[in-house]
Amino acid sequence: MVRKKKISIIIDRDLWERFKTKIIGKKNLKELNKAVEEAIKEKLCEDLIVETIEELLGSEKPPLVITPVKPKIQTDAGKTVRELRDSRF
Protein backbone atom coordinates (compact mmCIF):
# COMPACT_ATOMS: atom_id res chain seq x y z
CA MET A 1 0.00 0.00 0.00
CA VAL A 2 1.35 3.39 -0.97
CA ARG A 3 1.22 5.86 1.86
CA LYS A 4 0.13 9.37 0.92
CA LYS A 5 0.33 12.56 2.96
CA LYS A 6 -1.99 15.50 2.41
CA ILE A 7 -0.12 18.78 2.82
CA SER A 8 -0.63 22.47 2.31
CA ILE A 9 2.08 24.84 1.15
CA ILE A 10 2.47 28.56 0.63
CA ILE A 11 3.64 29.35 -2.87
CA ASP A 12 3.61 32.32 -5.22
CA ARG A 13 0.09 32.46 -6.72
CA ASP A 14 1.22 33.27 -10.28
CA LEU A 15 3.84 30.53 -10.24
CA TRP A 16 1.28 28.00 -9.01
CA GLU A 17 -1.32 29.05 -11.59
CA ARG A 18 1.18 28.74 -14.45
CA PHE A 19 2.27 25.31 -13.23
CA LYS A 20 -1.30 24.14 -12.70
CA THR A 21 -2.44 25.43 -16.09
CA LYS A 22 0.44 23.68 -17.81
CA ILE A 23 -0.33 20.34 -16.12
CA ILE A 24 -4.14 20.44 -16.12
CA GLY A 25 -4.18 21.81 -19.64
CA LYS A 26 -2.73 18.50 -20.79
CA LYS A 27 -4.15 16.12 -18.21
CA ASN A 28 -6.61 15.86 -15.34
CA LEU A 29 -6.39 17.05 -11.74
CA LYS A 30 -5.03 13.68 -10.57
CA GLU A 31 -2.03 14.31 -12.78
CA LEU A 32 -1.32 17.56 -10.91
CA ASN A 33 -0.58 15.57 -7.75
CA LYS A 34 1.64 13.26 -9.75
CA ALA A 35 3.51 16.21 -11.31
CA VAL A 36 4.22 17.78 -7.91
CA GLU A 37 5.38 14.42 -6.57
CA GLU A 38 7.68 13.94 -9.58
CA ALA A 39 9.15 17.42 -9.11
CA ILE A 40 9.95 16.60 -5.48
CA LYS A 41 11.48 13.26 -6.47
CA GLU A 42 13.67 14.96 -9.08
CA LYS A 43 14.91 17.40 -6.47
CA LEU A 44 15.71 14.51 -4.12
CA CYS A 45 17.22 12.36 -6.87
CA GLU A 46 20.80 12.96 -5.76
CA ASP A 47 19.99 11.78 -2.24
CA LEU A 48 18.30 8.66 -3.61
CA ILE A 49 21.34 7.83 -5.74
CA VAL A 50 23.70 8.23 -2.79
CA GLU A 51 21.47 6.05 -0.58
CA THR A 52 21.29 3.34 -3.25
CA ILE A 53 25.05 3.31 -3.74
CA GLU A 54 25.57 3.09 0.01
CA GLU A 55 23.13 0.16 0.18
CA LEU A 56 24.96 -1.62 -2.64
CA LEU A 57 28.38 -1.08 -1.10
CA GLY A 58 27.27 -1.83 2.44
CA SER A 59 30.09 -1.15 4.86
CA GLU A 60 32.64 -1.47 2.05
CA LYS A 61 34.03 1.90 1.04
CA PRO A 62 35.69 2.45 -2.35
CA PRO A 63 39.33 3.53 -2.31
CA LEU A 64 39.79 7.28 -2.55
CA VAL A 65 43.24 7.12 -4.12
CA ILE A 66 43.46 8.52 -7.64
CA THR A 67 46.55 7.55 -9.56
CA PRO A 68 47.57 9.91 -12.38
CA VAL A 69 48.43 8.34 -15.72
CA LYS A 70 50.72 9.60 -18.44
CA PRO A 71 49.38 9.90 -21.97
CA LYS A 72 50.54 7.18 -24.35
CA ILE A 73 51.21 9.72 -27.09
CA GLN A 74 52.85 13.13 -26.97
CA THR A 75 50.24 15.87 -26.54
CA ASP A 76 50.29 19.64 -26.65
CA ALA A 77 47.18 21.18 -25.14
CA GLY A 78 48.14 24.70 -26.17
CA LYS A 79 48.45 23.70 -29.82
CA THR A 80 45.11 21.86 -29.75
CA VAL A 81 43.30 24.80 -28.14
CA ARG A 82 44.81 27.18 -30.70
CA GLU A 83 43.62 24.94 -33.58
CA LEU A 84 40.11 24.82 -32.13
CA ARG A 85 39.98 28.59 -31.70
CA ASP A 86 41.30 29.25 -35.19
CA SER A 87 38.79 26.83 -36.74
CA ARG A 88 35.86 28.94 -35.46
CA PHE A 89 36.66 31.81 -37.83
PDB file of N, CA and C in Angstrom:
ATOM      1  N   MET A   1       0.829  -1.180   0.000  1.00  0.00           N
ATOM      2  CA  MET A   1       0.000   0.000   0.000  1.00  0.00           C
ATOM      3  C   MET A   1       0.875   1.245   0.000  1.00  0.00           C
ATOM      4  N   VAL A   2       0.590   2.148  -0.893  1.00  0.00           N
ATOM      5  CA  VAL A   2       1.346   3.394  -0.975  1.00  0.00           C
ATOM      6  C   VAL A   2       0.778   4.376   0.034  1.00  0.00           C
ATOM      7  N   ARG A   3       1.657   4.902   0.849  1.00  0.00           N
ATOM      8  CA  ARG A   3       1.220   5.863   1.857  1.00  0.00           C
ATOM      9  C   ARG A   3       1.263   7.257   1.251  1.00  0.00           C
ATOM     10  N   LYS A   4       0.207   8.002   1.420  1.00  0.00           N
ATOM     11  CA  LYS A   4       0.125   9.369   0.924  1.00  0.00           C
ATOM     12  C   LYS A   4      -0.050  10.318   2.090  1.00  0.00           C
ATOM     13  N   LYS A   5       0.417  11.543   1.922  1.00  0.00           N
ATOM     14  CA  LYS A   5       0.327  12.561   2.959  1.00  0.00           C
ATOM     15  C   LYS A   5      -0.277  13.806   2.340  1.00  0.00           C
ATOM     16  N   LYS A   6      -1.384  14.267   2.877  1.00  0.00           N
ATOM     17  CA  LYS A   6      -1.988  15.498   2.409  1.00  0.00           C
ATOM     18  C   LYS A   6      -1.273  16.658   3.083  1.00  0.00           C
ATOM     19  N   ILE A   7      -0.865  17.644   2.282  1.00  0.00           N
ATOM     20  CA  ILE A   7      -0.117  18.780   2.817  1.00  0.00           C
ATOM     21  C   ILE A   7      -0.711  20.072   2.274  1.00  0.00           C
ATOM     22  N   SER A   8      -0.322  21.165   2.875  1.00  0.00           N
ATOM     23  CA  SER A   8      -0.634  22.473   2.311  1.00  0.00           C
ATOM     24  C   SER A   8       0.668  23.267   2.313  1.00  0.00           C
ATOM     25  N   ILE A   9       0.846  24.061   1.278  1.00  0.00           N
ATOM     26  CA  ILE A   9       2.078  24.843   1.153  1.00  0.00           C
ATOM     27  C   ILE A   9       1.716  26.274   0.798  1.00  0.00           C
ATOM     28  N   ILE A  10       2.641  27.162   1.035  1.00  0.00           N
ATOM     29  CA  ILE A  10       2.474  28.557   0.632  1.00  0.00           C
ATOM     30  C   ILE A  10       3.433  28.777  -0.533  1.00  0.00           C
ATOM     31  N   ILE A  11       2.860  29.192  -1.654  1.00  0.00           N
ATOM     32  CA  ILE A  11       3.642  29.352  -2.872  1.00  0.00           C
ATOM     33  C   ILE A  11       3.136  30.574  -3.626  1.00  0.00           C
ATOM     34  N   ASP A  12       3.989  31.167  -4.416  1.00  0.00           N
ATOM     35  CA  ASP A  12       3.605  32.323  -5.224  1.00  0.00           C
ATOM     36  C   ASP A  12       2.407  31.960  -6.096  1.00  0.00           C
ATOM     37  N   ARG A  13       1.346  32.754  -6.025  1.00  0.00           N
ATOM     38  CA  ARG A  13       0.095  32.458  -6.724  1.00  0.00           C
ATOM     39  C   ARG A  13       0.295  32.344  -8.239  1.00  0.00           C
ATOM     40  N   ASP A  14       1.019  33.299  -8.821  1.00  0.00           N
ATOM     41  CA  ASP A  14       1.221  33.274 -10.278  1.00  0.00           C
ATOM     42  C   ASP A  14       2.014  32.049 -10.711  1.00  0.00           C
ATOM     43  N   LEU A  15       3.039  31.714  -9.941  1.00  0.00           N
ATOM     44  CA  LEU A  15       3.844  30.533 -10.240  1.00  0.00           C
ATOM     45  C   LEU A  15       2.981  29.279 -10.199  1.00  0.00           C
ATOM     46  N   TRP A  16       2.152  29.167  -9.147  1.00  0.00           N
ATOM     47  CA  TRP A  16       1.284  28.002  -9.014  1.00  0.00           C
ATOM     48  C   TRP A  16       0.275  27.919 -10.160  1.00  0.00           C
ATOM     49  N   GLU A  17      -0.330  29.042 -10.517  1.00  0.00           N
ATOM     50  CA  GLU A  17      -1.323  29.047 -11.589  1.00  0.00           C
ATOM     51  C   GLU A  17      -0.702  28.645 -12.923  1.00  0.00           C
ATOM     52  N   ARG A  18       0.498  29.123 -13.200  1.00  0.00           N
ATOM     53  CA  ARG A  18       1.181  28.738 -14.450  1.00  0.00           C
ATOM     54  C   ARG A  18       1.470  27.253 -14.465  1.00  0.00           C
ATOM     55  N   PHE A  19       1.968  26.729 -13.332  1.00  0.00           N
ATOM     56  CA  PHE A  19       2.275  25.306 -13.229  1.00  0.00           C
ATOM     57  C   PHE A  19       1.005  24.478 -13.396  1.00  0.00           C
ATOM     58  N   LYS A  20      -0.037  24.865 -12.670  1.00  0.00           N
ATOM     59  CA  LYS A  20      -1.297  24.136 -12.696  1.00  0.00           C
ATOM     60  C   LYS A  20      -1.913  24.161 -14.098  1.00  0.00           C
ATOM     61  N   THR A  21      -1.892  25.312 -14.745  1.00  0.00           N
ATOM     62  CA  THR A  21      -2.439  25.432 -16.091  1.00  0.00           C
ATOM     63  C   THR A  21      -1.683  24.544 -17.073  1.00  0.00           C
ATOM     64  N   LYS A  22      -0.381  24.513 -16.918  1.00  0.00           N
ATOM     65  CA  LYS A  22       0.439  23.682 -17.806  1.00  0.00           C
ATOM     66  C   LYS A  22       0.104  22.199 -17.630  1.00  0.00           C
ATOM     67  N   ILE A  23      -0.059  21.752 -16.397  1.00  0.00           N
ATOM     68  CA  ILE A  23      -0.333  20.340 -16.120  1.00  0.00           C
ATOM     69  C   ILE A  23      -1.784  19.987 -16.441  1.00  0.00           C
ATOM     70  N   ILE A  24      -2.731  20.757 -15.916  1.00  0.00           N
ATOM     71  CA  ILE A  24      -4.139  20.437 -16.121  1.00  0.00           C
ATOM     72  C   ILE A  24      -4.538  20.653 -17.570  1.00  0.00           C
ATOM     73  N   GLY A  25      -3.874  21.581 -18.238  1.00  0.00           N
ATOM     74  CA  GLY A  25      -4.179  21.810 -19.640  1.00  0.00           C
ATOM     75  C   GLY A  25      -3.958  20.562 -20.470  1.00  0.00           C
ATOM     76  N   LYS A  26      -3.053  19.725 -20.051  1.00  0.00           N
ATOM     77  CA  LYS A  26      -2.733  18.505 -20.792  1.00  0.00           C
ATOM     78  C   LYS A  26      -3.421  17.285 -20.196  1.00  0.00           C
ATOM     79  N   LYS A  27      -3.666  17.309 -18.899  1.00  0.00           N
ATOM     80  CA  LYS A  27      -4.149  16.116 -18.212  1.00  0.00           C
ATOM     81  C   LYS A  27      -5.231  16.492 -17.213  1.00  0.00           C
ATOM     82  N   ASN A  28      -5.581  15.572 -16.339  1.00  0.00           N
ATOM     83  CA  ASN A  28      -6.614  15.856 -15.336  1.00  0.00           C
ATOM     84  C   ASN A  28      -5.987  16.264 -14.006  1.00  0.00           C
ATOM     85  N   LEU A  29      -6.846  16.571 -13.043  1.00  0.00           N
ATOM     86  CA  LEU A  29      -6.389  17.048 -11.736  1.00  0.00           C
ATOM     87  C   LEU A  29      -5.537  16.022 -11.010  1.00  0.00           C
ATOM     88  N   LYS A  30      -5.821  14.735 -11.202  1.00  0.00           N
ATOM     89  CA  LYS A  30      -5.035  13.683 -10.565  1.00  0.00           C
ATOM     90  C   LYS A  30      -3.575  13.761 -11.015  1.00  0.00           C
ATOM     91  N   GLU A  31      -3.385  14.180 -12.254  1.00  0.00           N
ATOM     92  CA  GLU A  31      -2.033  14.307 -12.784  1.00  0.00           C
ATOM     93  C   GLU A  31      -1.269  15.461 -12.126  1.00  0.00           C
ATOM     94  N   LEU A  32      -1.983  16.447 -11.604  1.00  0.00           N
ATOM     95  CA  LEU A  32      -1.324  17.555 -10.912  1.00  0.00           C
ATOM     96  C   LEU A  32      -0.587  17.042  -9.682  1.00  0.00           C
ATOM     97  N   ASN A  33      -1.234  16.171  -8.920  1.00  0.00           N
ATOM     98  CA  ASN A  33      -0.577  15.570  -7.754  1.00  0.00           C
ATOM     99  C   ASN A  33       0.667  14.802  -8.174  1.00  0.00           C
ATOM    100  N   LYS A  34       0.526  14.050  -9.252  1.00  0.00           N
ATOM    101  CA  LYS A  34       1.641  13.257  -9.753  1.00  0.00           C
ATOM    102  C   LYS A  34       2.799  14.165 -10.189  1.00  0.00           C
ATOM    103  N   ALA A  35       2.472  15.288 -10.837  1.00  0.00           N
ATOM    104  CA  ALA A  35       3.508  16.214 -11.310  1.00  0.00           C
ATOM    105  C   ALA A  35       4.271  16.839 -10.149  1.00  0.00           C
ATOM    106  N   VAL A  36       3.554  17.216  -9.095  1.00  0.00           N
ATOM    107  CA  VAL A  36       4.218  17.785  -7.915  1.00  0.00           C
ATOM    108  C   VAL A  36       5.109  16.730  -7.265  1.00  0.00           C
ATOM    109  N   GLU A  37       4.610  15.508  -7.158  1.00  0.00           N
ATOM    110  CA  GLU A  37       5.383  14.417  -6.566  1.00  0.00           C
ATOM    111  C   GLU A  37       6.649  14.145  -7.386  1.00  0.00           C
ATOM    112  N   GLU A  38       6.521  14.163  -8.716  1.00  0.00           N
ATOM    113  CA  GLU A  38       7.683  13.936  -9.576  1.00  0.00           C
ATOM    114  C   GLU A  38       8.704  15.055  -9.425  1.00  0.00           C
ATOM    115  N   ALA A  39       8.232  16.297  -9.291  1.00  0.00           N
ATOM    116  CA  ALA A  39       9.149  17.425  -9.106  1.00  0.00           C
ATOM    117  C   ALA A  39       9.938  17.270  -7.805  1.00  0.00           C
ATOM    118  N   ILE A  40       9.274  16.821  -6.762  1.00  0.00           N
ATOM    119  CA  ILE A  40       9.951  16.599  -5.480  1.00  0.00           C
ATOM    120  C   ILE A  40      10.963  15.463  -5.612  1.00  0.00           C
ATOM    121  N   LYS A  41      10.571  14.391  -6.283  1.00  0.00           N
ATOM    122  CA  LYS A  41      11.482  13.257  -6.470  1.00  0.00           C
ATOM    123  C   LYS A  41      12.718  13.669  -7.265  1.00  0.00           C
ATOM    124  N   GLU A  42      12.524  14.484  -8.298  1.00  0.00           N
ATOM    125  CA  GLU A  42      13.668  14.956  -9.082  1.00  0.00           C
ATOM    126  C   GLU A  42      14.628  15.754  -8.214  1.00  0.00           C
ATOM    127  N   LYS A  43      14.070  16.583  -7.348  1.00  0.00           N
ATOM    128  CA  LYS A  43      14.908  17.396  -6.471  1.00  0.00           C
ATOM    129  C   LYS A  43      15.689  16.523  -5.492  1.00  0.00           C
ATOM    130  N   LEU A  44      15.079  15.407  -5.085  1.00  0.00           N
ATOM    131  CA  LEU A  44      15.715  14.508  -4.121  1.00  0.00           C
ATOM    132  C   LEU A  44      16.517  13.400  -4.794  1.00  0.00           C
ATOM    133  N   CYS A  45      16.585  13.429  -6.099  1.00  0.00           N
ATOM    134  CA  CYS A  45      17.221  12.359  -6.868  1.00  0.00           C
ATOM    135  C   CYS A  45      18.658  12.092  -6.409  1.00  0.00           C
ATOM    136  N   GLU A  46      19.411  13.136  -6.179  1.00  0.00           N
ATOM    137  CA  GLU A  46      20.803  12.961  -5.758  1.00  0.00           C
ATOM    138  C   GLU A  46      20.879  12.178  -4.456  1.00  0.00           C
ATOM    139  N   ASP A  47      20.005  12.496  -3.513  1.00  0.00           N
ATOM    140  CA  ASP A  47      19.989  11.776  -2.237  1.00  0.00           C
ATOM    141  C   ASP A  47      19.648  10.308  -2.454  1.00  0.00           C
ATOM    142  N   LEU A  48      18.690  10.038  -3.336  1.00  0.00           N
ATOM    143  CA  LEU A  48      18.301   8.656  -3.606  1.00  0.00           C
ATOM    144  C   LEU A  48      19.456   7.871  -4.228  1.00  0.00           C
ATOM    145  N   ILE A  49      20.198   8.498  -5.109  1.00  0.00           N
ATOM    146  CA  ILE A  49      21.343   7.835  -5.744  1.00  0.00           C
ATOM    147  C   ILE A  49      22.394   7.500  -4.693  1.00  0.00           C
ATOM    148  N   VAL A  50      22.699   8.459  -3.835  1.00  0.00           N
ATOM    149  CA  VAL A  50      23.698   8.228  -2.785  1.00  0.00           C
ATOM    150  C   VAL A  50      23.254   7.100  -1.861  1.00  0.00           C
ATOM    151  N   GLU A  51      21.980   7.108  -1.462  1.00  0.00           N
ATOM    152  CA  GLU A  51      21.471   6.048  -0.579  1.00  0.00           C
ATOM    153  C   GLU A  51      21.563   4.682  -1.244  1.00  0.00           C
ATOM    154  N   THR A  52      21.236   4.611  -2.523  1.00  0.00           N
ATOM    155  CA  THR A  52      21.290   3.340  -3.249  1.00  0.00           C
ATOM    156  C   THR A  52      22.716   2.834  -3.350  1.00  0.00           C
ATOM    157  N   ILE A  53      23.636   3.711  -3.655  1.00  0.00           N
ATOM    158  CA  ILE A  53      25.050   3.310  -3.743  1.00  0.00           C
ATOM    159  C   ILE A  53      25.539   2.820  -2.386  1.00  0.00           C
ATOM    160  N   GLU A  54      25.165   3.518  -1.330  1.00  0.00           N
ATOM    161  CA  GLU A  54      25.572   3.093   0.010  1.00  0.00           C
ATOM    162  C   GLU A  54      24.986   1.722   0.353  1.00  0.00           C
ATOM    163  N   GLU A  55      23.744   1.474  -0.057  1.00  0.00           N
ATOM    164  CA  GLU A  55      23.129   0.164   0.178  1.00  0.00           C
ATOM    165  C   GLU A  55      23.875  -0.925  -0.582  1.00  0.00           C
ATOM    166  N   LEU A  56      24.250  -0.632  -1.823  1.00  0.00           N
ATOM    167  CA  LEU A  56      24.956  -1.620  -2.640  1.00  0.00           C
ATOM    168  C   LEU A  56      26.344  -1.920  -2.095  1.00  0.00           C
ATOM    169  N   LEU A  57      27.022  -0.891  -1.611  1.00  0.00           N
ATOM    170  CA  LEU A  57      28.376  -1.079  -1.097  1.00  0.00           C
ATOM    171  C   LEU A  57      28.383  -1.637   0.320  1.00  0.00           C
ATOM    172  N   GLY A  58      27.302  -1.396   1.046  1.00  0.00           N
ATOM    173  CA  GLY A  58      27.266  -1.832   2.441  1.00  0.00           C
ATOM    174  C   GLY A  58      28.307  -1.083   3.243  1.00  0.00           C
ATOM    175  N   SER A  59      29.055  -1.795   4.049  1.00  0.00           N
ATOM    176  CA  SER A  59      30.091  -1.153   4.859  1.00  0.00           C
ATOM    177  C   SER A  59      31.386  -0.978   4.070  1.00  0.00           C
ATOM    178  N   GLU A  60      31.446  -1.566   2.893  1.00  0.00           N
ATOM    179  CA  GLU A  60      32.635  -1.468   2.049  1.00  0.00           C
ATOM    180  C   GLU A  60      32.722  -0.084   1.416  1.00  0.00           C
ATOM    181  N   LYS A  61      33.836   0.574   1.613  1.00  0.00           N
ATOM    182  CA  LYS A  61      34.034   1.903   1.037  1.00  0.00           C
ATOM    183  C   LYS A  61      35.026   1.804  -0.117  1.00  0.00           C
ATOM    184  N   PRO A  62      34.755   2.488  -1.228  1.00  0.00           N
ATOM    185  CA  PRO A  62      35.687   2.449  -2.350  1.00  0.00           C
ATOM    186  C   PRO A  62      36.967   3.208  -2.002  1.00  0.00           C
ATOM    187  N   PRO A  63      38.076   2.817  -2.589  1.00  0.00           N
ATOM    188  CA  PRO A  63      39.329   3.529  -2.314  1.00  0.00           C
ATOM    189  C   PRO A  63      39.258   4.950  -2.872  1.00  0.00           C
ATOM    190  N   LEU A  64      39.822   5.888  -2.135  1.00  0.00           N
ATOM    191  CA  LEU A  64      39.791   7.282  -2.551  1.00  0.00           C
ATOM    192  C   LEU A  64      41.118   7.744  -3.137  1.00  0.00           C
ATOM    193  N   VAL A  65      41.954   6.799  -3.539  1.00  0.00           N
ATOM    194  CA  VAL A  65      43.241   7.122  -4.117  1.00  0.00           C
ATOM    195  C   VAL A  65      43.094   7.203  -5.632  1.00  0.00           C
ATOM    196  N   ILE A  66      43.501   8.329  -6.193  1.00  0.00           N
ATOM    197  CA  ILE A  66      43.464   8.518  -7.640  1.00  0.00           C
ATOM    198  C   ILE A  66      44.894   8.542  -8.132  1.00  0.00           C
ATOM    199  N   THR A  67      45.195   7.648  -9.037  1.00  0.00           N
ATOM    200  CA  THR A  67      46.549   7.548  -9.564  1.00  0.00           C
ATOM    201  C   THR A  67      46.616   8.230 -10.931  1.00  0.00           C
ATOM    202  N   PRO A  68      47.457   9.249 -11.078  1.00  0.00           N
ATOM    203  CA  PRO A  68      47.568   9.914 -12.378  1.00  0.00           C
ATOM    204  C   PRO A  68      48.226   8.987 -13.398  1.00  0.00           C
ATOM    205  N   VAL A  69      47.835   9.136 -14.646  1.00  0.00           N
ATOM    206  CA  VAL A  69      48.431   8.344 -15.715  1.00  0.00           C
ATOM    207  C   VAL A  69      49.032   9.277 -16.745  1.00  0.00           C
ATOM    208  N   LYS A  70      50.085   8.809 -17.395  1.00  0.00           N
ATOM    209  CA  LYS A  70      50.722   9.604 -18.442  1.00  0.00           C
ATOM    210  C   LYS A  70      50.099   9.230 -19.779  1.00  0.00           C
ATOM    211  N   PRO A  71      49.931  10.210 -20.651  1.00  0.00           N
ATOM    212  CA  PRO A  71      49.379   9.900 -21.968  1.00  0.00           C
ATOM    213  C   PRO A  71      50.314   8.977 -22.746  1.00  0.00           C
ATOM    214  N   LYS A  72      49.733   8.120 -23.570  1.00  0.00           N
ATOM    215  CA  LYS A  72      50.536   7.181 -24.352  1.00  0.00           C
ATOM    216  C   LYS A  72      51.197   7.865 -25.547  1.00  0.00           C
ATOM    217  N   ILE A  73      50.608   8.973 -25.990  1.00  0.00           N
ATOM    218  CA  ILE A  73      51.206   9.718 -27.095  1.00  0.00           C
ATOM    219  C   ILE A  73      51.529  11.130 -26.628  1.00  0.00           C
ATOM    220  N   GLN A  74      52.456  11.762 -27.305  1.00  0.00           N
ATOM    221  CA  GLN A  74      52.848  13.128 -26.970  1.00  0.00           C
ATOM    222  C   GLN A  74      51.688  14.074 -27.279  1.00  0.00           C
ATOM    223  N   THR A  75      51.337  14.923 -26.336  1.00  0.00           N
ATOM    224  CA  THR A  75      50.244  15.866 -26.544  1.00  0.00           C
ATOM    225  C   THR A  75      50.710  17.287 -26.277  1.00  0.00           C
ATOM    226  N   ASP A  76      50.011  18.225 -26.875  1.00  0.00           N
ATOM    227  CA  ASP A  76      50.294  19.638 -26.655  1.00  0.00           C
ATOM    228  C   ASP A  76      48.945  20.350 -26.560  1.00  0.00           C
ATOM    229  N   ALA A  77      48.496  20.580 -25.353  1.00  0.00           N
ATOM    230  CA  ALA A  77      47.177  21.175 -25.139  1.00  0.00           C
ATOM    231  C   ALA A  77      47.093  22.571 -25.734  1.00  0.00           C
ATOM    232  N   GLY A  78      48.135  23.334 -25.626  1.00  0.00           N
ATOM    233  CA  GLY A  78      48.143  24.695 -26.168  1.00  0.00           C
ATOM    234  C   GLY A  78      47.921  24.704 -27.673  1.00  0.00           C
ATOM    235  N   LYS A  79      48.590  23.794 -28.369  1.00  0.00           N
ATOM    236  CA  LYS A  79      48.453  23.700 -29.820  1.00  0.00           C
ATOM    237  C   LYS A  79      47.019  23.285 -30.196  1.00  0.00           C
ATOM    238  N   THR A  80      46.470  22.335 -29.480  1.00  0.00           N
ATOM    239  CA  THR A  80      45.110  21.864 -29.754  1.00  0.00           C
ATOM    240  C   THR A  80      44.086  22.969 -29.526  1.00  0.00           C
ATOM    241  N   VAL A  81      44.221  23.699 -28.425  1.00  0.00           N
ATOM    242  CA  VAL A  81      43.301  24.798 -28.139  1.00  0.00           C
ATOM    243  C   VAL A  81      43.397  25.867 -29.225  1.00  0.00           C
ATOM    244  N   ARG A  82      44.620  26.183 -29.651  1.00  0.00           N
ATOM    245  CA  ARG A  82      44.808  27.184 -30.702  1.00  0.00           C
ATOM    246  C   ARG A  82      44.133  26.735 -31.992  1.00  0.00           C
ATOM    247  N   GLU A  83      44.260  25.455 -32.365  1.00  0.00           N
ATOM    248  CA  GLU A  83      43.622  24.940 -33.578  1.00  0.00           C
ATOM    249  C   GLU A  83      42.099  25.043 -33.475  1.00  0.00           C
ATOM    250  N   LEU A  84      41.557  24.728 -32.321  1.00  0.00           N
ATOM    251  CA  LEU A  84      40.110  24.824 -32.131  1.00  0.00           C
ATOM    252  C   LEU A  84      39.635  26.271 -32.225  1.00  0.00           C
ATOM    253  N   ARG A  85      40.372  27.179 -31.629  1.00  0.00           N
ATOM    254  CA  ARG A  85      39.979  28.594 -31.699  1.00  0.00           C
ATOM    255  C   ARG A  85      40.071  29.121 -33.109  1.00  0.00           C
ATOM    256  N   ASP A  86      41.127  28.767 -33.819  1.00  0.00           N
ATOM    257  CA  ASP A  86      41.298  29.247 -35.195  1.00  0.00           C
ATOM    258  C   ASP A  86      40.241  28.673 -36.132  1.00  0.00           C
ATOM    259  N   SER A  87      39.759  27.472 -35.843  1.00  0.00           N
ATOM    260  CA  SER A  87      38.786  26.830 -36.741  1.00  0.00           C
ATOM    261  C   SER A  87      37.402  27.487 -36.643  1.00  0.00           C
ATOM    262  N   ARG A  88      37.162  28.283 -35.612  1.00  0.00           N
ATOM    263  CA  ARG A  88      35.864  28.941 -35.462  1.00  0.00           C
ATOM    264  C   ARG A  88      35.695  30.106 -36.433  1.00  0.00           C
ATOM    265  N   PHE A  89      36.762  30.623 -36.952  1.00  0.00           N
ATOM    266  CA  PHE A  89      36.664  31.809 -37.826  1.00  0.00           C
ATOM    267  C   PHE A  89      36.750  31.454 -39.260  1.00  0.00           C
TER     268      PHE A  89
END
